[in-house]
Amino acid sequence: MTLYGDVSAGEAGNVGSTLSFFQDNDADYVGGRGLITAEGPSGMYLNPTSGTLAKGQFTAQFFSSGLEDNFNNTGYYNALLSYGVTDWFEVGAVGYVRDLDRNIVVLNASSEPVLQPNGHSTAAAWPMARILILKDEQWWPEFSIGGYASIGHDSLDKATIFGAAYKRFVIQPKGFLRSIGFHTGVRQLWQDSDASAQRSAVDLVGYFGGEIELPNHLYLVSEVGTKEDDARFVPFSVGAQLRLPQGYGLSLAALQPGDQRTVALP
């Protein structure tokens, strides 16, 4: 669930015919900003994208996903608070909880294997920032850089920087297929190699995604990325996002972060 609104009026900027950096937004500008992701910052479902909040806008968003297999039931939850300092600079904070309902195999009095609950929860929080360097204008794509770093349980400790780009093509502004957009980006992450929840200490991953805009502010979104070191599966997601101009949003998707035997549903 997503909620955002204007805290103060933004400054309008003129769309230029040449390449320029750190521009203000005009009233009609549509960037590549999605909703909250498994990583925290807004984007597709797994990865952040390039769009930033407009000046004075504030957003509060919540994300959850669940995984069930033969031995474990795991819930993943995070929340995002973010604010547009300018049209090109966004700051925020993310809180993250992993609730692991783990079952381990033990032998009972008859030496028969049985499942015994052994669950626990871990949590972390981290600041985030994103800087919009280029707007999506003419043939130039939107481009941003950003980063975030966690503070909390050792198994969740990591620091990440990312770069993301977006290009939107208008098809029929009043029709059924209104626009299509393409996202791409890279994430460089550093994490605790001794933590059992992590797969590698340092890794660079790339990702690519697309979105189709339909009537009533509905977007079909999908993405795929490269595997982190020691990940078992190729990460991907597919779903829909509702981005209402009144300040509300909702996501529903199936996703595979790369280390789950089944696809999770946020």
C-alpha atoms as a PDB file:
ATOM      1  CA  MET A   1       0.000   0.000   0.000  1.00  0.00           C
ATOM      2  CA  THR A   2       1.275   3.442  -0.925  1.00  0.00           C
ATOM      3  CA  LEU A   3       0.339   6.928   0.202  1.00  0.00           C
ATOM      4  CA  TYR A   4       1.949  10.153  -0.843  1.00  0.00           C
ATOM      5  CA  GLY A   5       1.039  13.825  -1.057  1.00  0.00           C
ATOM      6  CA  ASP A   6       2.321  17.358  -1.545  1.00  0.00           C
ATOM      7  CA  VAL A   7       3.829  19.119   1.442  1.00  0.00           C
ATOM      8  CA  SER A   8       4.604  22.297  -0.467  1.00  0.00           C
ATOM      9  CA  ALA A   9       4.297  23.485  -4.024  1.00  0.00           C
ATOM     10  CA  GLY A  10       7.087  22.529  -6.378  1.00  0.00           C
ATOM     11  CA  GLU A  11       8.867  24.902  -8.703  1.00  0.00           C
ATOM     12  CA  ALA A  12       8.095  24.503 -12.366  1.00  0.00           C
ATOM     13  CA  GLY A  13      10.960  24.305 -14.822  1.00  0.00           C
ATOM     14  CA  ASN A  14      11.138  24.757 -18.551  1.00  0.00           C
ATOM     15  CA  VAL A  15      11.817  21.810 -20.794  1.00  0.00           C
ATOM     16  CA  GLY A  16      14.907  22.691 -22.772  1.00  0.00           C
ATOM     17  CA  SER A  17      15.990  21.531 -26.178  1.00  0.00           C
ATOM     18  CA  THR A  18      19.540  20.687 -25.040  1.00  0.00           C
ATOM     19  CA  LEU A  19      20.970  18.315 -22.487  1.00  0.00           C
ATOM     20  CA  SER A  20      20.960  19.781 -18.978  1.00  0.00           C
ATOM     21  CA  PHE A  21      21.384  18.361 -15.516  1.00  0.00           C
ATOM     22  CA  PHE A  22      19.464  18.538 -12.215  1.00  0.00           C
ATOM     23  CA  GLN A  23      16.389  20.179 -13.737  1.00  0.00           C
ATOM     24  CA  ASP A  24      13.159  21.148 -12.034  1.00  0.00           C
ATOM     25  CA  ASN A  25       9.991  19.420 -13.200  1.00  0.00           C
ATOM     26  CA  ASP A  26       7.220  20.925 -15.260  1.00  0.00           C
ATOM     27  CA  ALA A  27       3.641  20.045 -14.322  1.00  0.00           C
ATOM     28  CA  ASP A  28       3.292  17.346 -17.005  1.00  0.00           C
ATOM     29  CA  TYR A  29       6.551  15.506 -16.403  1.00  0.00           C
ATOM     30  CA  VAL A  30       6.213  11.727 -15.946  1.00  0.00           C
ATOM     31  CA  GLY A  31       9.326   9.987 -14.666  1.00  0.00           C
ATOM     32  CA  GLY A  32      10.205   6.395 -13.952  1.00  0.00           C
ATOM     33  CA  ARG A  33       9.058   6.244 -10.348  1.00  0.00           C
ATOM     34  CA  GLY A  34       7.201   3.116  -9.302  1.00  0.00           C
ATOM     35  CA  LEU A  35       6.218   1.879  -5.855  1.00  0.00           C
ATOM     36  CA  ILE A  36       8.116   0.336  -2.940  1.00  0.00           C
ATOM     37  CA  THR A  37      10.401  -2.623  -3.723  1.00  0.00           C
ATOM     38  CA  ALA A  38      11.917  -5.552  -1.853  1.00  0.00           C
ATOM     39  CA  GLU A  39      15.115  -3.464  -1.703  1.00  0.00           C
ATOM     40  CA  GLY A  40      13.234  -0.534  -0.177  1.00  0.00           C
ATOM     41  CA  PRO A  41      13.455   2.459  -2.562  1.00  0.00           C
ATOM     42  CA  SER A  42      10.602   2.872  -5.036  1.00  0.00           C
ATOM     43  CA  GLY A  43      10.870   1.062  -8.343  1.00  0.00           C
ATOM     44  CA  MET A  44       9.596  -2.160  -9.875  1.00  0.00           C
ATOM     45  CA  TYR A  45       9.339  -5.021  -7.346  1.00  0.00           C
ATOM     46  CA  LEU A  46      12.909  -6.149  -6.756  1.00  0.00           C
ATOM     47  CA  ASN A  47      14.983  -3.191  -7.922  1.00  0.00           C
ATOM     48  CA  PRO A  48      14.908   0.609  -7.598  1.00  0.00           C
ATOM     49  CA  THR A  49      14.261   2.794 -10.620  1.00  0.00           C
ATOM     50  CA  SER A  50      15.350   6.301 -11.595  1.00  0.00           C
ATOM     51  CA  GLY A  51      12.317   8.455 -10.772  1.00  0.00           C
ATOM     52  CA  THR A  52      12.393  10.794  -7.764  1.00  0.00           C
ATOM     53  CA  LEU A  53       9.650  12.537  -5.843  1.00  0.00           C
ATOM     54  CA  ALA A  54       8.856  16.094  -6.891  1.00  0.00           C
ATOM     55  CA  LYS A  55       9.868  18.936  -4.604  1.00  0.00           C
ATOM     56  CA  GLY A  56       7.758  18.909  -1.445  1.00  0.00           C
ATOM     57  CA  GLN A  57       6.209  15.497  -2.046  1.00  0.00           C
ATOM     58  CA  PHE A  58       6.185  12.932   0.750  1.00  0.00           C
ATOM     59  CA  THR A  59       5.483   9.215   0.477  1.00  0.00           C
ATOM     60  CA  ALA A  60       4.745   6.443   2.989  1.00  0.00           C
ATOM     61  CA  GLN A  61       4.716   2.906   1.592  1.00  0.00           C
ATOM     62  CA  PHE A  62       4.580  -0.677   2.893  1.00  0.00           C
ATOM     63  CA  PHE A  63       5.743  -3.939   1.293  1.00  0.00           C
ATOM     64  CA  SER A  64       5.250  -7.552   2.338  1.00  0.00           C
ATOM     65  CA  SER A  65       5.890 -10.928   0.752  1.00  0.00           C
ATOM     66  CA  GLY A  66       5.588 -14.500   1.936  1.00  0.00           C
ATOM     67  CA  LEU A  67       7.278 -17.775   1.097  1.00  0.00           C
ATOM     68  CA  GLU A  68       6.176 -21.259   2.071  1.00  0.00           C
ATOM     69  CA  ASP A  69       8.073 -24.495   1.494  1.00  0.00           C
ATOM     70  CA  ASN A  70       8.300 -27.887   3.165  1.00  0.00           C
ATOM     71  CA  PHE A  71      10.336 -26.686   6.125  1.00  0.00           C
ATOM     72  CA  ASN A  72      10.056 -22.915   6.432  1.00  0.00           C
ATOM     73  CA  ASN A  73       7.483 -20.150   6.315  1.00  0.00           C
ATOM     74  CA  THR A  74       9.135 -16.770   5.858  1.00  0.00           C
ATOM     75  CA  GLY A  75       7.589 -13.309   5.859  1.00  0.00           C
ATOM     76  CA  TYR A  76       9.423 -10.254   4.528  1.00  0.00           C
ATOM     77  CA  TYR A  77       8.184  -6.782   5.448  1.00  0.00           C
ATOM     78  CA  ASN A  78       9.543  -3.312   4.832  1.00  0.00           C
ATOM     79  CA  ALA A  79       8.303   0.254   5.034  1.00  0.00           C
ATOM     80  CA  LEU A  80       9.478   3.356   3.171  1.00  0.00           C
ATOM     81  CA  LEU A  81       9.274   7.011   4.170  1.00  0.00           C
ATOM     82  CA  SER A  82      10.678   9.440   1.623  1.00  0.00           C
ATOM     83  CA  TYR A  83      10.645  13.171   0.846  1.00  0.00           C
ATOM     84  CA  GLY A  84      11.455  15.264  -2.218  1.00  0.00           C
ATOM     85  CA  VAL A  85      13.902  17.937  -1.081  1.00  0.00           C
ATOM     86  CA  THR A  86      14.031  19.267  -4.650  1.00  0.00           C
ATOM     87  CA  ASP A  87      12.691  17.935  -7.950  1.00  0.00           C
ATOM     88  CA  TRP A  88      15.960  16.064  -8.363  1.00  0.00           C
ATOM     89  CA  PHE A  89      16.970  15.107  -4.798  1.00  0.00           C
ATOM     90  CA  GLU A  90      15.055  12.595  -2.674  1.00  0.00           C
ATOM     91  CA  VAL A  91      15.919  11.370   0.837  1.00  0.00           C
ATOM     92  CA  GLY A  92      14.221   8.772   2.977  1.00  0.00           C
ATOM     93  CA  ALA A  93      14.421   5.836   5.351  1.00  0.00           C
ATOM     94  CA  VAL A  94      13.522   2.157   5.100  1.00  0.00           C
ATOM     95  CA  GLY A  95      12.656  -0.306   7.869  1.00  0.00           C
ATOM     96  CA  TYR A  96      12.927  -4.061   7.240  1.00  0.00           C
ATOM     97  CA  VAL A  97      11.769  -7.144   9.175  1.00  0.00           C
ATOM     98  CA  ARG A  98      12.343 -10.792   8.280  1.00  0.00           C
ATOM     99  CA  ASP A  99      10.094 -13.221  10.168  1.00  0.00           C
ATOM    100  CA  LEU A 100      11.398 -16.778   9.829  1.00  0.00           C
ATOM    101  CA  ASP A 101       9.149 -19.603  11.032  1.00  0.00           C
ATOM    102  CA  ARG A 102      11.755 -22.321  10.605  1.00  0.00           C
ATOM    103  CA  ASN A 103      11.164 -26.010  11.230  1.00  0.00           C
ATOM    104  CA  ILE A 104      14.147 -28.249  11.942  1.00  0.00           C
ATOM    105  CA  VAL A 105      14.280 -32.030  11.778  1.00  0.00           C
ATOM    106  CA  VAL A 106      14.894 -33.754  15.145  1.00  0.00           C
ATOM    107  CA  LEU A 107      14.515 -37.293  16.415  1.00  0.00           C
ATOM    108  CA  ASN A 108      11.719 -38.045  18.883  1.00  0.00           C
ATOM    109  CA  ALA A 109      11.813 -40.607  21.701  1.00  0.00           C
ATOM    110  CA  SER A 110      11.202 -43.376  19.185  1.00  0.00           C
ATOM    111  CA  SER A 111      14.123 -42.172  17.029  1.00  0.00           C
ATOM    112  CA  GLU A 112      11.708 -41.007  14.353  1.00  0.00           C
ATOM    113  CA  PRO A 113      12.416 -37.744  12.496  1.00  0.00           C
ATOM    114  CA  VAL A 114       9.921 -34.983  13.259  1.00  0.00           C
ATOM    115  CA  LEU A 115       9.725 -31.251  12.528  1.00  0.00           C
ATOM    116  CA  GLN A 116      10.296 -28.904  15.452  1.00  0.00           C
ATOM    117  CA  PRO A 117       9.601 -25.136  15.263  1.00  0.00           C
ATOM    118  CA  ASN A 118      12.690 -22.948  15.544  1.00  0.00           C
ATOM    119  CA  GLY A 119      11.620 -19.527  14.304  1.00  0.00           C
ATOM    120  CA  HIS A 120      12.956 -16.039  14.925  1.00  0.00           C
ATOM    121  CA  SER A 121      12.703 -12.483  13.602  1.00  0.00           C
ATOM    122  CA  THR A 122      15.406 -10.040  12.567  1.00  0.00           C
ATOM    123  CA  ALA A 123      15.178  -6.344  11.735  1.00  0.00           C
ATOM    124  CA  ALA A 124      17.197  -3.505  10.257  1.00  0.00           C
ATOM    125  CA  ALA A 125      16.712   0.082   9.104  1.00  0.00           C
ATOM    126  CA  TRP A 126      18.619   2.230   6.671  1.00  0.00           C
ATOM    127  CA  PRO A 127      18.745   5.744   5.199  1.00  0.00           C
ATOM    128  CA  MET A 128      18.435   6.180   1.441  1.00  0.00           C
ATOM    129  CA  ALA A 129      19.032   8.944  -1.080  1.00  0.00           C
ATOM    130  CA  ARG A 130      18.493   9.298  -4.826  1.00  0.00           C
ATOM    131  CA  ILE A 131      19.676  12.049  -7.178  1.00  0.00           C
ATOM    132  CA  LEU A 132      18.002  12.647 -10.545  1.00  0.00           C
ATOM    133  CA  ILE A 133      20.756  13.702 -12.941  1.00  0.00           C
ATOM    134  CA  LEU A 134      18.880  13.617 -16.266  1.00  0.00           C
ATOM    135  CA  LYS A 135      15.187  13.917 -17.073  1.00  0.00           C
ATOM    136  CA  ASP A 136      13.431  11.843 -19.729  1.00  0.00           C
ATOM    137  CA  GLU A 137      13.408  14.399 -22.559  1.00  0.00           C
ATOM    138  CA  GLN A 138      13.549  13.987 -26.320  1.00  0.00           C
ATOM    139  CA  TRP A 139      15.985  11.095 -26.867  1.00  0.00           C
ATOM    140  CA  TRP A 140      17.719  11.407 -23.515  1.00  0.00           C
ATOM    141  CA  PRO A 141      16.663   8.827 -20.913  1.00  0.00           C
ATOM    142  CA  GLU A 142      16.026   9.649 -17.305  1.00  0.00           C
ATOM    143  CA  PHE A 143      19.071   8.769 -15.201  1.00  0.00           C
ATOM    144  CA  SER A 144      19.609   8.690 -11.442  1.00  0.00           C
ATOM    145  CA  ILE A 145      22.114   7.477  -8.901  1.00  0.00           C
ATOM    146  CA  GLY A 146      21.363   6.524  -5.318  1.00  0.00           C
ATOM    147  CA  GLY A 147      22.340   4.481  -2.318  1.00  0.00           C
ATOM    148  CA  TYR A 148      21.295   3.000   1.000  1.00  0.00           C
ATOM    149  CA  ALA A 149      22.976   1.190   3.919  1.00  0.00           C
ATOM    150  CA  SER A 150      21.400  -0.902   6.683  1.00  0.00           C
ATOM    151  CA  ILE A 151      21.834  -0.604  10.443  1.00  0.00           C
ATOM    152  CA  GLY A 152      20.567  -3.518  12.500  1.00  0.00           C
ATOM    153  CA  HIS A 153      20.920  -7.284  12.695  1.00  0.00           C
ATOM    154  CA  ASP A 154      24.214  -8.630  11.339  1.00  0.00           C
ATOM    155  CA  SER A 155      22.456 -11.012   8.957  1.00  0.00           C
ATOM    156  CA  LEU A 156      20.845  -8.026   7.206  1.00  0.00           C
ATOM    157  CA  ASP A 157      23.852  -5.703   7.132  1.00  0.00           C
ATOM    158  CA  LYS A 158      24.634  -4.401   3.664  1.00  0.00           C
ATOM    159  CA  ALA A 159      25.403  -1.222   1.751  1.00  0.00           C
ATOM    160  CA  THR A 160      24.255  -0.579  -1.805  1.00  0.00           C
ATOM    161  CA  ILE A 161      24.792   2.033  -4.490  1.00  0.00           C
ATOM    162  CA  PHE A 162      22.858   1.983  -7.744  1.00  0.00           C
ATOM    163  CA  GLY A 163      22.446   3.693 -11.062  1.00  0.00           C
ATOM    164  CA  ALA A 164      19.176   3.483 -12.987  1.00  0.00           C
ATOM    165  CA  ALA A 165      17.831   4.749 -16.307  1.00  0.00           C
ATOM    166  CA  TYR A 166      14.324   4.994 -17.788  1.00  0.00           C
ATOM    167  CA  LYS A 167      12.806   5.856 -21.151  1.00  0.00           C
ATOM    168  CA  ARG A 168       9.074   6.294 -21.813  1.00  0.00           C
ATOM    169  CA  PHE A 169       7.334   6.209 -25.198  1.00  0.00           C
ATOM    170  CA  VAL A 170       3.788   7.579 -25.499  1.00  0.00           C
ATOM    171  CA  ILE A 171       1.531   5.437 -27.714  1.00  0.00           C
ATOM    172  CA  GLN A 172      -2.086   6.632 -27.303  1.00  0.00           C
ATOM    173  CA  PRO A 173      -2.567   9.202 -24.522  1.00  0.00           C
ATOM    174  CA  LYS A 174      -6.341   8.595 -24.463  1.00  0.00           C
ATOM    175  CA  GLY A 175      -6.399   5.018 -25.757  1.00  0.00           C
ATOM    176  CA  PHE A 176      -6.094   1.582 -24.198  1.00  0.00           C
ATOM    177  CA  LEU A 177      -2.326   1.216 -24.628  1.00  0.00           C
ATOM    178  CA  ARG A 178      -1.164   4.612 -23.418  1.00  0.00           C
ATOM    179  CA  SER A 179       2.598   4.244 -23.102  1.00  0.00           C
ATOM    180  CA  ILE A 180       5.436   1.808 -22.668  1.00  0.00           C
ATOM    181  CA  GLY A 181       8.546   2.374 -20.607  1.00  0.00           C
ATOM    182  CA  PHE A 182      11.870   0.626 -20.181  1.00  0.00           C
ATOM    183  CA  HIS A 183      14.020   0.474 -17.052  1.00  0.00           C
ATOM    184  CA  THR A 184      17.606  -0.632 -16.650  1.00  0.00           C
ATOM    185  CA  GLY A 185      20.124  -0.355 -13.874  1.00  0.00           C
ATOM    186  CA  VAL A 186      23.004  -1.787 -11.873  1.00  0.00           C
ATOM    187  CA  ARG A 187      23.449  -2.313  -8.141  1.00  0.00           C
ATOM    188  CA  GLN A 188      26.767  -2.686  -6.347  1.00  0.00           C
ATOM    189  CA  LEU A 189      26.339  -4.200  -2.900  1.00  0.00           C
ATOM    190  CA  TRP A 190      28.592  -4.980   0.032  1.00  0.00           C
ATOM    191  CA  GLN A 191      27.348  -7.273   2.775  1.00  0.00           C
ATOM    192  CA  ASP A 192      28.512  -9.353   5.726  1.00  0.00           C
ATOM    193  CA  SER A 193      30.037 -12.543   4.322  1.00  0.00           C
ATOM    194  CA  ASP A 194      29.789 -14.248   7.726  1.00  0.00           C
ATOM    195  CA  ALA A 195      26.016 -13.779   7.951  1.00  0.00           C
ATOM    196  CA  SER A 196      24.074 -16.935   7.134  1.00  0.00           C
ATOM    197  CA  ALA A 197      21.351 -14.978   5.331  1.00  0.00           C
ATOM    198  CA  GLN A 198      23.738 -13.546   2.755  1.00  0.00           C
ATOM    199  CA  ARG A 199      25.144 -15.215  -0.350  1.00  0.00           C
ATOM    200  CA  SER A 200      28.241 -13.129  -1.100  1.00  0.00           C
ATOM    201  CA  ALA A 201      30.261 -10.301   0.413  1.00  0.00           C
ATOM    202  CA  VAL A 202      30.578  -8.072  -2.669  1.00  0.00           C
ATOM    203  CA  ASP A 203      28.523  -8.289  -5.819  1.00  0.00           C
ATOM    204  CA  LEU A 204      27.504  -6.299  -8.878  1.00  0.00           C
ATOM    205  CA  VAL A 205      24.106  -7.107 -10.367  1.00  0.00           C
ATOM    206  CA  GLY A 206      22.315  -5.700 -13.391  1.00  0.00           C
ATOM    207  CA  TYR A 207      18.607  -5.571 -14.136  1.00  0.00           C
ATOM    208  CA  PHE A 208      16.180  -4.699 -16.893  1.00  0.00           C
ATOM    209  CA  GLY A 209      12.422  -4.163 -16.830  1.00  0.00           C
ATOM    210  CA  GLY A 210       9.466  -2.798 -18.695  1.00  0.00           C
ATOM    211  CA  GLU A 211       6.074  -1.298 -17.942  1.00  0.00           C
ATOM    212  CA  ILE A 212       2.892  -0.904 -19.965  1.00  0.00           C
ATOM    213  CA  GLU A 213       0.523   1.930 -19.061  1.00  0.00           C
ATOM    214  CA  LEU A 214      -3.191   1.117 -19.378  1.00  0.00           C
ATOM    215  CA  PRO A 215      -6.275   3.249 -18.585  1.00  0.00           C
ATOM    216  CA  ASN A 216      -7.137   4.206 -15.001  1.00  0.00           C
ATOM    217  CA  HIS A 217      -3.461   4.581 -14.017  1.00  0.00           C
ATOM    218  CA  LEU A 218      -2.818   0.830 -14.153  1.00  0.00           C
ATOM    219  CA  TYR A 219       0.693  -0.348 -15.074  1.00  0.00           C
ATOM    220  CA  LEU A 220       1.804  -3.865 -15.965  1.00  0.00           C
ATOM    221  CA  VAL A 221       5.382  -4.256 -14.750  1.00  0.00           C
ATOM    222  CA  SER A 222       7.990  -6.977 -15.159  1.00  0.00           C
ATOM    223  CA  GLU A 223      11.740  -7.246 -14.580  1.00  0.00           C
ATOM    224  CA  VAL A 224      14.648  -9.677 -14.721  1.00  0.00           C
ATOM    225  CA  GLY A 225      18.141  -9.422 -13.286  1.00  0.00           C
ATOM    226  CA  THR A 226      21.490 -11.132 -13.138  1.00  0.00           C
ATOM    227  CA  LYS A 227      22.163 -13.599 -10.334  1.00  0.00           C
ATOM    228  CA  GLU A 228      24.160 -12.670  -7.272  1.00  0.00           C
ATOM    229  CA  ASP A 229      27.099 -14.954  -6.501  1.00  0.00           C
ATOM    230  CA  ASP A 230      25.863 -18.320  -5.187  1.00  0.00           C
ATOM    231  CA  ALA A 231      22.221 -17.490  -5.954  1.00  0.00           C
ATOM    232  CA  ARG A 232      20.316 -20.528  -7.198  1.00  0.00           C
ATOM    233  CA  PHE A 233      17.866 -18.856  -9.558  1.00  0.00           C
ATOM    234  CA  VAL A 234      17.596 -15.921 -11.951  1.00  0.00           C
ATOM    235  CA  PRO A 235      15.699 -13.117 -10.155  1.00  0.00           C
ATOM    236  CA  PHE A 236      12.516 -11.855 -11.805  1.00  0.00           C
ATOM    237  CA  SER A 237       9.113 -10.369 -11.070  1.00  0.00           C
ATOM    238  CA  VAL A 238       5.840  -9.814 -12.901  1.00  0.00           C
ATOM    239  CA  GLY A 239       2.788  -7.934 -11.682  1.00  0.00           C
ATOM    240  CA  ALA A 240       0.658  -4.799 -11.758  1.00  0.00           C
ATOM    241  CA  GLN A 241       0.879  -1.398 -10.084  1.00  0.00           C
ATOM    242  CA  LEU A 242      -1.979   1.037  -9.550  1.00  0.00           C
ATOM    243  CA  ARG A 243      -0.624   4.601  -9.298  1.00  0.00           C
ATOM    244  CA  LEU A 244      -3.525   6.941  -8.619  1.00  0.00           C
ATOM    245  CA  PRO A 245      -2.918  10.695  -9.036  1.00  0.00           C
ATOM    246  CA  GLN A 246      -4.857  11.344  -5.812  1.00  0.00           C
ATOM    247  CA  GLY A 247      -1.871   9.981  -3.912  1.00  0.00           C
ATOM    248  CA  TYR A 248      -2.594   6.282  -3.467  1.00  0.00           C
ATOM    249  CA  GLY A 249      -1.013   3.198  -4.964  1.00  0.00           C
ATOM    250  CA  LEU A 250      -1.182  -0.580  -4.794  1.00  0.00           C
ATOM    251  CA  SER A 251       1.091  -3.365  -6.091  1.00  0.00           C
ATOM    252  CA  LEU A 252       0.479  -7.063  -6.632  1.00  0.00           C
ATOM    253  CA  ALA A 253       3.134  -9.345  -8.103  1.00  0.00           C
ATOM    254  CA  ALA A 254       4.843 -12.698  -8.163  1.00  0.00           C
ATOM    255  CA  LEU A 255       8.575 -12.467  -7.579  1.00  0.00           C
ATOM    256  CA  GLN A 256      11.676 -14.626  -7.364  1.00  0.00           C
ATOM    257  CA  PRO A 257      14.532 -12.810  -5.567  1.00  0.00           C
ATOM    258  CA  GLY A 258      16.976 -15.515  -6.608  1.00  0.00           C
ATOM    259  CA  ASP A 259      17.186 -17.721  -3.528  1.00  0.00           C
ATOM    260  CA  GLN A 260      13.690 -19.140  -3.079  1.00  0.00           C
ATOM    261  CA  ARG A 261      12.417 -22.543  -4.170  1.00  0.00           C
ATOM    262  CA  THR A 262       9.008 -21.055  -4.965  1.00  0.00           C
ATOM    263  CA  VAL A 263       7.812 -17.689  -6.234  1.00  0.00           C
ATOM    264  CA  ALA A 264       6.810 -15.259  -3.480  1.00  0.00           C
ATOM    265  CA  LEU A 265       3.704 -13.101  -3.520  1.00  0.00           C
ATOM    266  CA  PRO A 266       4.022  -9.543  -2.120  1.00  0.00           C
END
